[in-house]
């Protein structure tokens, strides 16, 4: 490591490393609880600048997360996607619900390095800070056996699902370390969308599963490279969530009249909705998760906690 890189790291230590966690005093000779984050009540991301990729789908995790960020006091939320068919209406809806929040839209491919850098630069230029990057853009894969996938198809999947989060982390991590009078210490949270398919087999196609495992590895690896900067990075691993990626499952169940069978292999005995994932994303983006980094958060109704079993056959 060069001396200049080492110097930058020393200069960019987070507030908690630089100052320590404040002494909370005592109560009847026992130490009070040391608190790092703000109160749980009230806006969780007040004044923060947020970028969300993969935000176009009307039934997606990106849109649901944008609502949670805006509802919880974000200063600005960038809605980004390769497709822009619904970005404008999402912007109008959010502006009508949360008039104090700046809603900005950007159309670009999450795997386009120049465009990813550009939206991060925009956040710094307009607001002087970037606090949360939710790298949510992704695609579902070829649904082929591994013996049938071409090398080109495999790399196309990695380009979207793994390269996109890498680029988002690369540029947002640097931007989050920029300080100012309003933000005297470097800090920020990067959240990447992985999947339970990245944790174990039989939850998705081969190329998709491999790309999501790569996202989890990125979150783990990058967390150590960001040591001492105040920038945290985590992956979320949704299970069966009612989004465009799983629409075929829900449509088939409706056609067969078996909607009540959806999610029966997980302990919650149901599928999830995007807002349930978005609330975990909100937590990871907020200061309430100040000691959480390098982790894969499964939001799957417990599916990833054990081996699938037929209900009522095992106890």
C-alpha atoms as a PDB file:
ATOM      1  CA  UNK A   1       0.000   0.000   0.000  1.00  0.00           C
ATOM      2  CA  UNK A   2       1.411   3.402  -0.964  1.00  0.00           C
ATOM      3  CA  UNK A   3       2.055   6.052   1.677  1.00  0.00           C
ATOM      4  CA  UNK A   4      -0.513   8.379   0.090  1.00  0.00           C
ATOM      5  CA  UNK A   5      -3.220   5.722   0.306  1.00  0.00           C
ATOM      6  CA  UNK A   6      -2.285   5.061   3.930  1.00  0.00           C
ATOM      7  CA  UNK A   7      -2.418   8.782   4.686  1.00  0.00           C
ATOM      8  CA  UNK A   8      -5.843   9.085   3.090  1.00  0.00           C
ATOM      9  CA  UNK A   9      -7.112   6.217   5.192  1.00  0.00           C
ATOM     10  CA  UNK A  10      -5.796   7.825   8.358  1.00  0.00           C
ATOM     11  CA  UNK A  11      -7.424  11.107   7.397  1.00  0.00           C
ATOM     12  CA  UNK A  12     -10.702   9.413   6.540  1.00  0.00           C
ATOM     13  CA  UNK A  13     -11.306   7.571   9.794  1.00  0.00           C
ATOM     14  CA  UNK A  14     -14.897   7.647  10.930  1.00  0.00           C
ATOM     15  CA  UNK A  15     -16.167   9.779  13.778  1.00  0.00           C
ATOM     16  CA  UNK A  16     -16.465   6.823  16.130  1.00  0.00           C
ATOM     17  CA  UNK A  17     -12.892   5.749  15.461  1.00  0.00           C
ATOM     18  CA  UNK A  18     -11.601   9.310  15.737  1.00  0.00           C
ATOM     19  CA  UNK A  19     -13.516  10.387  18.816  1.00  0.00           C
ATOM     20  CA  UNK A  20     -14.706   7.147  20.357  1.00  0.00           C
ATOM     21  CA  UNK A  21     -18.242   6.529  21.558  1.00  0.00           C
ATOM     22  CA  UNK A  22     -19.216   9.222  24.087  1.00  0.00           C
ATOM     23  CA  UNK A  23     -19.327   8.330  27.772  1.00  0.00           C
ATOM     24  CA  UNK A  24     -22.981   8.194  28.791  1.00  0.00           C
ATOM     25  CA  UNK A  25     -22.306   8.664  32.487  1.00  0.00           C
ATOM     26  CA  UNK A  26     -23.785   6.579  35.273  1.00  0.00           C
ATOM     27  CA  UNK A  27     -27.056   5.929  37.042  1.00  0.00           C
ATOM     28  CA  UNK A  28     -26.748   4.913  40.679  1.00  0.00           C
ATOM     29  CA  UNK A  29     -23.150   3.865  40.103  1.00  0.00           C
ATOM     30  CA  UNK A  30     -23.832   1.673  37.059  1.00  0.00           C
ATOM     31  CA  UNK A  31     -22.903   2.842  33.555  1.00  0.00           C
ATOM     32  CA  UNK A  32     -25.670   4.196  31.376  1.00  0.00           C
ATOM     33  CA  UNK A  33     -26.129   2.612  27.946  1.00  0.00           C
ATOM     34  CA  UNK A  34     -23.829   4.133  25.329  1.00  0.00           C
ATOM     35  CA  UNK A  35     -25.886   5.219  22.323  1.00  0.00           C
ATOM     36  CA  UNK A  36     -24.509   5.634  18.825  1.00  0.00           C
ATOM     37  CA  UNK A  37     -27.593   6.071  16.633  1.00  0.00           C
ATOM     38  CA  UNK A  38     -30.488   8.492  17.014  1.00  0.00           C
ATOM     39  CA  UNK A  39     -33.838   7.612  18.580  1.00  0.00           C
ATOM     40  CA  UNK A  40     -35.787   4.976  16.658  1.00  0.00           C
ATOM     41  CA  UNK A  41     -38.858   7.182  16.575  1.00  0.00           C
ATOM     42  CA  UNK A  42     -38.949   9.883  13.944  1.00  0.00           C
ATOM     43  CA  UNK A  43     -37.316  10.003  10.510  1.00  0.00           C
ATOM     44  CA  UNK A  44     -34.550   7.412  10.233  1.00  0.00           C
ATOM     45  CA  UNK A  45     -32.611   8.972   7.336  1.00  0.00           C
ATOM     46  CA  UNK A  46     -33.310  12.662   7.916  1.00  0.00           C
ATOM     47  CA  UNK A  47     -31.237  14.899   5.660  1.00  0.00           C
ATOM     48  CA  UNK A  48     -29.521  12.040   3.846  1.00  0.00           C
ATOM     49  CA  UNK A  49     -28.920  11.836   0.093  1.00  0.00           C
ATOM     50  CA  UNK A  50     -29.862   8.486  -1.432  1.00  0.00           C
ATOM     51  CA  UNK A  51     -29.333   6.729  -4.773  1.00  0.00           C
ATOM     52  CA  UNK A  52     -31.524   3.742  -5.691  1.00  0.00           C
ATOM     53  CA  UNK A  53     -30.846   1.683  -8.816  1.00  0.00           C
ATOM     54  CA  UNK A  54     -33.409  -0.730 -10.232  1.00  0.00           C
ATOM     55  CA  UNK A  55     -36.230   1.640  -9.267  1.00  0.00           C
ATOM     56  CA  UNK A  56     -38.490   1.499 -12.343  1.00  0.00           C
ATOM     57  CA  UNK A  57     -40.720  -1.504 -11.633  1.00  0.00           C
ATOM     58  CA  UNK A  58     -44.113  -0.622 -10.103  1.00  0.00           C
ATOM     59  CA  UNK A  59     -43.943  -3.779  -7.968  1.00  0.00           C
ATOM     60  CA  UNK A  60     -40.228  -3.790  -7.232  1.00  0.00           C
ATOM     61  CA  UNK A  61     -38.055  -3.590  -4.144  1.00  0.00           C
ATOM     62  CA  UNK A  62     -36.389  -0.447  -5.529  1.00  0.00           C
ATOM     63  CA  UNK A  63     -39.607   1.544  -5.664  1.00  0.00           C
ATOM     64  CA  UNK A  64     -40.708   0.321  -2.224  1.00  0.00           C
ATOM     65  CA  UNK A  65     -37.330   1.304  -0.774  1.00  0.00           C
ATOM     66  CA  UNK A  66     -37.490   4.756  -2.352  1.00  0.00           C
ATOM     67  CA  UNK A  67     -40.801   5.276  -0.545  1.00  0.00           C
ATOM     68  CA  UNK A  68     -39.280   4.237   2.772  1.00  0.00           C
ATOM     69  CA  UNK A  69     -36.337   6.600   2.323  1.00  0.00           C
ATOM     70  CA  UNK A  70     -38.577   9.525   1.336  1.00  0.00           C
ATOM     71  CA  UNK A  71     -41.043   8.802   4.150  1.00  0.00           C
ATOM     72  CA  UNK A  72     -38.192   8.768   6.635  1.00  0.00           C
ATOM     73  CA  UNK A  73     -36.863  12.224   5.887  1.00  0.00           C
ATOM     74  CA  UNK A  74     -34.300  11.843   3.098  1.00  0.00           C
ATOM     75  CA  UNK A  75     -33.136  15.133   1.639  1.00  0.00           C
ATOM     76  CA  UNK A  76     -32.983  13.708  -1.887  1.00  0.00           C
ATOM     77  CA  UNK A  77     -33.647  10.367  -3.581  1.00  0.00           C
ATOM     78  CA  UNK A  78     -32.283   9.511  -7.026  1.00  0.00           C
ATOM     79  CA  UNK A  79     -34.453   6.961  -8.878  1.00  0.00           C
ATOM     80  CA  UNK A  80     -32.325   5.122 -11.437  1.00  0.00           C
ATOM     81  CA  UNK A  81     -32.999   2.348 -13.928  1.00  0.00           C
ATOM     82  CA  UNK A  82     -32.131   1.114 -17.402  1.00  0.00           C
ATOM     83  CA  UNK A  83     -35.865   1.269 -18.214  1.00  0.00           C
ATOM     84  CA  UNK A  84     -37.674   4.531 -17.575  1.00  0.00           C
ATOM     85  CA  UNK A  85     -41.285   3.619 -18.349  1.00  0.00           C
ATOM     86  CA  UNK A  86     -42.418   4.334 -14.783  1.00  0.00           C
ATOM     87  CA  UNK A  87     -39.737   6.611 -13.338  1.00  0.00           C
ATOM     88  CA  UNK A  88     -41.721   9.775 -14.088  1.00  0.00           C
ATOM     89  CA  UNK A  89     -44.880   8.534 -12.376  1.00  0.00           C
ATOM     90  CA  UNK A  90     -42.844   7.307  -9.404  1.00  0.00           C
ATOM     91  CA  UNK A  91     -41.336  10.792  -9.162  1.00  0.00           C
ATOM     92  CA  UNK A  92     -44.771  12.444  -9.250  1.00  0.00           C
ATOM     93  CA  UNK A  93     -46.142  10.073  -6.621  1.00  0.00           C
ATOM     94  CA  UNK A  94     -43.228  10.594  -4.242  1.00  0.00           C
ATOM     95  CA  UNK A  95     -43.321  14.375  -4.699  1.00  0.00           C
ATOM     96  CA  UNK A  96     -47.046  14.422  -3.919  1.00  0.00           C
ATOM     97  CA  UNK A  97     -46.595  12.304  -0.794  1.00  0.00           C
ATOM     98  CA  UNK A  98     -43.354  13.857   0.459  1.00  0.00           C
ATOM     99  CA  UNK A  99     -43.125  17.432  -0.873  1.00  0.00           C
ATOM    100  CA  UNK A 100     -40.036  18.216   1.188  1.00  0.00           C
ATOM    101  CA  UNK A 101     -37.933  15.546  -0.533  1.00  0.00           C
ATOM    102  CA  UNK A 102     -36.108  16.150  -3.809  1.00  0.00           C
ATOM    103  CA  UNK A 103     -36.866  13.309  -6.246  1.00  0.00           C
ATOM    104  CA  UNK A 104     -34.544  13.004  -9.232  1.00  0.00           C
ATOM    105  CA  UNK A 105     -34.617  10.417 -12.030  1.00  0.00           C
ATOM    106  CA  UNK A 106     -31.768   9.033 -14.104  1.00  0.00           C
ATOM    107  CA  UNK A 107     -31.905   6.478 -16.917  1.00  0.00           C
ATOM    108  CA  UNK A 108     -28.802   4.334 -17.370  1.00  0.00           C
ATOM    109  CA  UNK A 109     -27.468   0.787 -17.339  1.00  0.00           C
ATOM    110  CA  UNK A 110     -26.148  -0.083 -13.872  1.00  0.00           C
ATOM    111  CA  UNK A 111     -23.220  -1.806 -15.581  1.00  0.00           C
ATOM    112  CA  UNK A 112     -22.149   1.374 -17.409  1.00  0.00           C
ATOM    113  CA  UNK A 113     -19.212   2.697 -15.392  1.00  0.00           C
ATOM    114  CA  UNK A 114     -19.338   6.251 -16.745  1.00  0.00           C
ATOM    115  CA  UNK A 115     -23.061   6.568 -15.996  1.00  0.00           C
ATOM    116  CA  UNK A 116     -22.690   5.186 -12.468  1.00  0.00           C
ATOM    117  CA  UNK A 117     -19.900   7.654 -11.783  1.00  0.00           C
ATOM    118  CA  UNK A 118     -22.022  10.443 -13.266  1.00  0.00           C
ATOM    119  CA  UNK A 119     -24.991   9.950 -10.940  1.00  0.00           C
ATOM    120  CA  UNK A 120     -22.683   9.821  -7.917  1.00  0.00           C
ATOM    121  CA  UNK A 121     -20.980  13.004  -9.143  1.00  0.00           C
ATOM    122  CA  UNK A 122     -24.422  14.601  -9.537  1.00  0.00           C
ATOM    123  CA  UNK A 123     -25.246  13.878  -5.901  1.00  0.00           C
ATOM    124  CA  UNK A 124     -22.017  15.521  -4.756  1.00  0.00           C
ATOM    125  CA  UNK A 125     -22.428  18.476  -7.116  1.00  0.00           C
ATOM    126  CA  UNK A 126     -26.035  19.153  -6.098  1.00  0.00           C
ATOM    127  CA  UNK A 127     -25.926  18.326  -2.394  1.00  0.00           C
ATOM    128  CA  UNK A 128     -22.285  18.076  -1.395  1.00  0.00           C
ATOM    129  CA  UNK A 129     -22.773  14.590   0.007  1.00  0.00           C
ATOM    130  CA  UNK A 130     -23.883  11.021  -0.630  1.00  0.00           C
ATOM    131  CA  UNK A 131     -25.096   8.943   2.300  1.00  0.00           C
ATOM    132  CA  UNK A 132     -26.856   5.843   0.961  1.00  0.00           C
ATOM    133  CA  UNK A 133     -26.361   3.788  -2.185  1.00  0.00           C
ATOM    134  CA  UNK A 134     -28.882   1.008  -2.788  1.00  0.00           C
ATOM    135  CA  UNK A 135     -27.483  -1.068  -5.668  1.00  0.00           C
ATOM    136  CA  UNK A 136     -30.665  -2.942  -6.470  1.00  0.00           C
ATOM    137  CA  UNK A 137     -30.588  -3.319 -10.261  1.00  0.00           C
ATOM    138  CA  UNK A 138     -30.518  -6.879 -11.530  1.00  0.00           C
ATOM    139  CA  UNK A 139     -31.977  -9.469 -13.852  1.00  0.00           C
ATOM    140  CA  UNK A 140     -33.304 -12.972 -13.288  1.00  0.00           C
ATOM    141  CA  UNK A 141     -31.275 -15.109 -15.680  1.00  0.00           C
ATOM    142  CA  UNK A 142     -31.723 -17.665 -18.435  1.00  0.00           C
ATOM    143  CA  UNK A 143     -33.504 -20.420 -16.469  1.00  0.00           C
ATOM    144  CA  UNK A 144     -31.268 -22.970 -18.185  1.00  0.00           C
ATOM    145  CA  UNK A 145     -29.309 -25.913 -16.849  1.00  0.00           C
ATOM    146  CA  UNK A 146     -25.623 -25.109 -16.418  1.00  0.00           C
ATOM    147  CA  UNK A 147     -24.833 -27.530 -19.257  1.00  0.00           C
ATOM    148  CA  UNK A 148     -26.923 -25.384 -21.602  1.00  0.00           C
ATOM    149  CA  UNK A 149     -25.649 -21.908 -20.663  1.00  0.00           C
ATOM    150  CA  UNK A 150     -23.167 -20.292 -23.038  1.00  0.00           C
ATOM    151  CA  UNK A 151     -20.180 -18.384 -21.764  1.00  0.00           C
ATOM    152  CA  UNK A 152     -21.639 -15.205 -23.227  1.00  0.00           C
ATOM    153  CA  UNK A 153     -24.925 -15.692 -21.380  1.00  0.00           C
ATOM    154  CA  UNK A 154     -23.124 -16.336 -18.116  1.00  0.00           C
ATOM    155  CA  UNK A 155     -20.965 -13.234 -18.417  1.00  0.00           C
ATOM    156  CA  UNK A 156     -23.978 -11.135 -19.403  1.00  0.00           C
ATOM    157  CA  UNK A 157     -25.588 -12.124 -16.114  1.00  0.00           C
ATOM    158  CA  UNK A 158     -22.434 -11.292 -14.156  1.00  0.00           C
ATOM    159  CA  UNK A 159     -22.169  -7.963 -15.973  1.00  0.00           C
ATOM    160  CA  UNK A 160     -25.561  -6.847 -14.688  1.00  0.00           C
ATOM    161  CA  UNK A 161     -25.888  -8.553 -11.325  1.00  0.00           C
ATOM    162  CA  UNK A 162     -22.283  -8.441 -10.067  1.00  0.00           C
ATOM    163  CA  UNK A 163     -20.507  -5.710 -12.008  1.00  0.00           C
ATOM    164  CA  UNK A 164     -23.333  -3.242 -11.322  1.00  0.00           C
ATOM    165  CA  UNK A 165     -23.041  -3.471  -7.523  1.00  0.00           C
ATOM    166  CA  UNK A 166     -19.241  -3.354  -7.788  1.00  0.00           C
ATOM    167  CA  UNK A 167     -19.376  -0.071  -9.714  1.00  0.00           C
ATOM    168  CA  UNK A 168     -21.991   1.347  -7.358  1.00  0.00           C
ATOM    169  CA  UNK A 169     -19.785   0.516  -4.390  1.00  0.00           C
ATOM    170  CA  UNK A 170     -16.617   1.778  -6.079  1.00  0.00           C
ATOM    171  CA  UNK A 171     -17.872   5.289  -6.726  1.00  0.00           C
ATOM    172  CA  UNK A 172     -20.261   5.737  -3.821  1.00  0.00           C
ATOM    173  CA  UNK A 173     -17.661   4.634  -1.259  1.00  0.00           C
ATOM    174  CA  UNK A 174     -15.333   7.387  -2.441  1.00  0.00           C
ATOM    175  CA  UNK A 175     -18.126   9.971  -2.448  1.00  0.00           C
ATOM    176  CA  UNK A 176     -19.264   9.016   1.044  1.00  0.00           C
ATOM    177  CA  UNK A 177     -15.822   9.888   2.380  1.00  0.00           C
ATOM    178  CA  UNK A 178     -16.116  13.506   1.213  1.00  0.00           C
ATOM    179  CA  UNK A 179     -16.538  15.779   4.214  1.00  0.00           C
ATOM    180  CA  UNK A 180     -17.957  19.271   4.640  1.00  0.00           C
ATOM    181  CA  UNK A 181     -19.125  21.575   7.447  1.00  0.00           C
ATOM    182  CA  UNK A 182     -22.489  19.789   7.294  1.00  0.00           C
ATOM    183  CA  UNK A 183     -20.811  16.370   7.243  1.00  0.00           C
ATOM    184  CA  UNK A 184     -17.578  16.682   9.227  1.00  0.00           C
ATOM    185  CA  UNK A 185     -16.811  12.952   9.212  1.00  0.00           C
ATOM    186  CA  UNK A 186     -16.903  10.400   6.384  1.00  0.00           C
ATOM    187  CA  UNK A 187     -19.831   8.026   6.615  1.00  0.00           C
ATOM    188  CA  UNK A 188     -22.327   6.165   4.501  1.00  0.00           C
ATOM    189  CA  UNK A 189     -24.101   2.918   3.790  1.00  0.00           C
ATOM    190  CA  UNK A 190     -23.973   0.798   0.649  1.00  0.00           C
ATOM    191  CA  UNK A 191     -26.638  -1.874   0.271  1.00  0.00           C
ATOM    192  CA  UNK A 192     -26.495  -4.458  -2.523  1.00  0.00           C
ATOM    193  CA  UNK A 193     -29.338  -6.724  -3.580  1.00  0.00           C
ATOM    194  CA  UNK A 194     -28.228 -10.350  -3.578  1.00  0.00           C
ATOM    195  CA  UNK A 195     -30.629 -13.279  -3.053  1.00  0.00           C
ATOM    196  CA  UNK A 196     -31.160 -16.426  -1.025  1.00  0.00           C
ATOM    197  CA  UNK A 197     -30.031 -18.039  -4.285  1.00  0.00           C
ATOM    198  CA  UNK A 198     -26.583 -16.680  -3.450  1.00  0.00           C
ATOM    199  CA  UNK A 199     -26.661 -18.450  -0.087  1.00  0.00           C
ATOM    200  CA  UNK A 200     -27.741 -21.950  -1.099  1.00  0.00           C
ATOM    201  CA  UNK A 201     -28.738 -24.015  -4.126  1.00  0.00           C
ATOM    202  CA  UNK A 202     -32.181 -24.668  -5.642  1.00  0.00           C
ATOM    203  CA  UNK A 203     -33.340 -21.083  -5.148  1.00  0.00           C
ATOM    204  CA  UNK A 204     -32.591 -19.871  -8.676  1.00  0.00           C
ATOM    205  CA  UNK A 205     -30.915 -20.602 -12.028  1.00  0.00           C
ATOM    206  CA  UNK A 206     -27.185 -21.353 -12.108  1.00  0.00           C
ATOM    207  CA  UNK A 207     -26.007 -18.072 -13.625  1.00  0.00           C
ATOM    208  CA  UNK A 208     -28.312 -16.011 -11.416  1.00  0.00           C
ATOM    209  CA  UNK A 209     -27.242 -17.863  -8.274  1.00  0.00           C
ATOM    210  CA  UNK A 210     -23.557 -17.446  -9.095  1.00  0.00           C
ATOM    211  CA  UNK A 211     -23.998 -13.720  -9.686  1.00  0.00           C
ATOM    212  CA  UNK A 212     -25.790 -13.253  -6.372  1.00  0.00           C
ATOM    213  CA  UNK A 213     -23.137 -15.236  -4.510  1.00  0.00           C
ATOM    214  CA  UNK A 214     -20.648 -12.811  -6.052  1.00  0.00           C
ATOM    215  CA  UNK A 215     -22.628  -9.878  -4.627  1.00  0.00           C
ATOM    216  CA  UNK A 216     -22.433 -11.360  -1.133  1.00  0.00           C
ATOM    217  CA  UNK A 217     -18.689 -11.851  -1.547  1.00  0.00           C
ATOM    218  CA  UNK A 218     -18.326  -8.242  -2.703  1.00  0.00           C
ATOM    219  CA  UNK A 219     -20.084  -6.958   0.409  1.00  0.00           C
ATOM    220  CA  UNK A 220     -17.868  -9.058   2.642  1.00  0.00           C
ATOM    221  CA  UNK A 221     -14.613  -8.243   0.859  1.00  0.00           C
ATOM    222  CA  UNK A 222     -15.275  -4.530   0.426  1.00  0.00           C
ATOM    223  CA  UNK A 223     -16.215  -4.123   4.082  1.00  0.00           C
ATOM    224  CA  UNK A 224     -12.633  -4.888   5.087  1.00  0.00           C
ATOM    225  CA  UNK A 225     -11.198  -2.603   2.428  1.00  0.00           C
ATOM    226  CA  UNK A 226     -13.386   0.180   3.845  1.00  0.00           C
ATOM    227  CA  UNK A 227     -12.136  -0.400   7.390  1.00  0.00           C
ATOM    228  CA  UNK A 228     -11.965   2.805   9.413  1.00  0.00           C
ATOM    229  CA  UNK A 229     -13.672   4.975   6.812  1.00  0.00           C
ATOM    230  CA  UNK A 230     -17.117   5.046   8.394  1.00  0.00           C
ATOM    231  CA  UNK A 231     -18.593   3.568   5.207  1.00  0.00           C
ATOM    232  CA  UNK A 232     -20.558   0.358   5.713  1.00  0.00           C
ATOM    233  CA  UNK A 233     -21.558  -2.185   3.077  1.00  0.00           C
ATOM    234  CA  UNK A 234     -24.070  -5.024   3.307  1.00  0.00           C
ATOM    235  CA  UNK A 235     -26.053  -7.345   1.053  1.00  0.00           C
ATOM    236  CA  UNK A 236     -29.727  -8.192   1.328  1.00  0.00           C
ATOM    237  CA  UNK A 237     -30.912 -11.639   0.260  1.00  0.00           C
ATOM    238  CA  UNK A 238     -34.630 -11.626  -0.575  1.00  0.00           C
ATOM    239  CA  UNK A 239     -36.513 -14.896  -0.796  1.00  0.00           C
ATOM    240  CA  UNK A 240     -39.825 -15.358  -2.589  1.00  0.00           C
ATOM    241  CA  UNK A 241     -40.994 -11.750  -2.911  1.00  0.00           C
ATOM    242  CA  UNK A 242     -43.901 -10.647  -5.117  1.00  0.00           C
ATOM    243  CA  UNK A 243     -41.964  -8.708  -7.782  1.00  0.00           C
ATOM    244  CA  UNK A 244     -41.618  -8.872 -11.556  1.00  0.00           C
ATOM    245  CA  UNK A 245     -38.921 -11.528 -11.162  1.00  0.00           C
ATOM    246  CA  UNK A 246     -41.351 -13.882  -9.430  1.00  0.00           C
ATOM    247  CA  UNK A 247     -44.502 -12.805 -11.266  1.00  0.00           C
ATOM    248  CA  UNK A 248     -44.549 -16.048 -13.261  1.00  0.00           C
ATOM    249  CA  UNK A 249     -44.749 -18.019 -10.000  1.00  0.00           C
ATOM    250  CA  UNK A 250     -47.687 -16.000  -8.724  1.00  0.00           C
ATOM    251  CA  UNK A 251     -49.427 -16.001 -12.115  1.00  0.00           C
ATOM    252  CA  UNK A 252     -49.118 -19.787 -12.406  1.00  0.00           C
ATOM    253  CA  UNK A 253     -50.435 -20.251  -8.877  1.00  0.00           C
ATOM    254  CA  UNK A 254     -53.421 -18.043  -9.661  1.00  0.00           C
ATOM    255  CA  UNK A 255     -54.092 -19.999 -12.846  1.00  0.00           C
ATOM    256  CA  UNK A 256     -54.048 -23.266 -10.913  1.00  0.00           C
ATOM    257  CA  UNK A 257     -55.901 -21.892  -7.901  1.00  0.00           C
ATOM    258  CA  UNK A 258     -52.974 -22.686  -5.620  1.00  0.00           C
ATOM    259  CA  UNK A 259     -52.140 -19.213  -4.311  1.00  0.00           C
ATOM    260  CA  UNK A 260     -52.262 -20.562  -0.749  1.00  0.00           C
ATOM    261  CA  UNK A 261     -49.359 -22.878  -1.596  1.00  0.00           C
ATOM    262  CA  UNK A 262     -46.946 -20.013  -2.267  1.00  0.00           C
ATOM    263  CA  UNK A 263     -44.230 -19.879   0.358  1.00  0.00           C
ATOM    264  CA  UNK A 264     -45.263 -23.121   2.048  1.00  0.00           C
ATOM    265  CA  UNK A 265     -41.647 -24.306   2.227  1.00  0.00           C
ATOM    266  CA  UNK A 266     -40.613 -21.443   4.525  1.00  0.00           C
ATOM    267  CA  UNK A 267     -41.507 -21.025   8.217  1.00  0.00           C
ATOM    268  CA  UNK A 268     -43.685 -17.971   7.544  1.00  0.00           C
ATOM    269  CA  UNK A 269     -45.846 -20.090   5.195  1.00  0.00           C
ATOM    270  CA  UNK A 270     -46.261 -17.258   2.687  1.00  0.00           C
ATOM    271  CA  UNK A 271     -44.440 -15.164   0.156  1.00  0.00           C
ATOM    272  CA  UNK A 272     -43.235 -11.670   0.974  1.00  0.00           C
ATOM    273  CA  UNK A 273     -43.964  -8.228  -0.433  1.00  0.00           C
ATOM    274  CA  UNK A 274     -41.401  -5.595  -1.486  1.00  0.00           C
ATOM    275  CA  UNK A 275     -42.116  -3.333   1.486  1.00  0.00           C
ATOM    276  CA  UNK A 276     -40.918  -6.056   3.861  1.00  0.00           C
ATOM    277  CA  UNK A 277     -37.540  -6.006   2.147  1.00  0.00           C
ATOM    278  CA  UNK A 278     -37.561  -2.210   1.879  1.00  0.00           C
ATOM    279  CA  UNK A 279     -37.828  -1.863   5.651  1.00  0.00           C
ATOM    280  CA  UNK A 280     -34.658  -3.897   6.087  1.00  0.00           C
ATOM    281  CA  UNK A 281     -32.979  -1.737   3.435  1.00  0.00           C
ATOM    282  CA  UNK A 282     -34.077   1.340   5.386  1.00  0.00           C
ATOM    283  CA  UNK A 283     -32.567  -0.067   8.576  1.00  0.00           C
ATOM    284  CA  UNK A 284     -29.270  -0.836   6.835  1.00  0.00           C
ATOM    285  CA  UNK A 285     -29.195   2.647   5.336  1.00  0.00           C
ATOM    286  CA  UNK A 286     -29.900   4.349   8.649  1.00  0.00           C
ATOM    287  CA  UNK A 287     -27.580   5.092  11.545  1.00  0.00           C
ATOM    288  CA  UNK A 288     -29.445   2.489  13.584  1.00  0.00           C
ATOM    289  CA  UNK A 289     -27.309  -0.136  11.842  1.00  0.00           C
ATOM    290  CA  UNK A 290     -24.096   1.709  12.704  1.00  0.00           C
ATOM    291  CA  UNK A 291     -22.281  -1.491  13.786  1.00  0.00           C
ATOM    292  CA  UNK A 292     -23.445  -3.637  10.868  1.00  0.00           C
ATOM    293  CA  UNK A 293     -21.186  -4.192   7.871  1.00  0.00           C
ATOM    294  CA  UNK A 294     -19.987  -7.007   5.635  1.00  0.00           C
ATOM    295  CA  UNK A 295     -23.131  -9.064   6.206  1.00  0.00           C
ATOM    296  CA  UNK A 296     -25.705 -10.882   4.084  1.00  0.00           C
ATOM    297  CA  UNK A 297     -29.199 -10.164   5.415  1.00  0.00           C
ATOM    298  CA  UNK A 298     -31.709 -12.854   4.426  1.00  0.00           C
ATOM    299  CA  UNK A 299     -35.256 -11.498   4.104  1.00  0.00           C
ATOM    300  CA  UNK A 300     -36.842 -14.766   3.102  1.00  0.00           C
ATOM    301  CA  UNK A 301     -39.455 -15.801   5.640  1.00  0.00           C
ATOM    302  CA  UNK A 302     -36.907 -18.188   7.100  1.00  0.00           C
ATOM    303  CA  UNK A 303     -36.403 -20.161   3.872  1.00  0.00           C
ATOM    304  CA  UNK A 304     -32.616 -20.003   4.137  1.00  0.00           C
ATOM    305  CA  UNK A 305     -32.575 -21.099   7.778  1.00  0.00           C
ATOM    306  CA  UNK A 306     -32.958 -24.808   7.105  1.00  0.00           C
ATOM    307  CA  UNK A 307     -33.525 -27.541   4.567  1.00  0.00           C
ATOM    308  CA  UNK A 308     -36.902 -27.403   2.784  1.00  0.00           C
ATOM    309  CA  UNK A 309     -39.428 -29.914   4.071  1.00  0.00           C
ATOM    310  CA  UNK A 310     -42.979 -30.874   3.292  1.00  0.00           C
ATOM    311  CA  UNK A 311     -45.276 -29.104   5.800  1.00  0.00           C
ATOM    312  CA  UNK A 312     -46.539 -31.327   8.636  1.00  0.00           C
ATOM    313  CA  UNK A 313     -44.124 -34.121   7.703  1.00  0.00           C
ATOM    314  CA  UNK A 314     -41.295 -32.951   9.963  1.00  0.00           C
ATOM    315  CA  UNK A 315     -41.529 -31.215  13.313  1.00  0.00           C
END
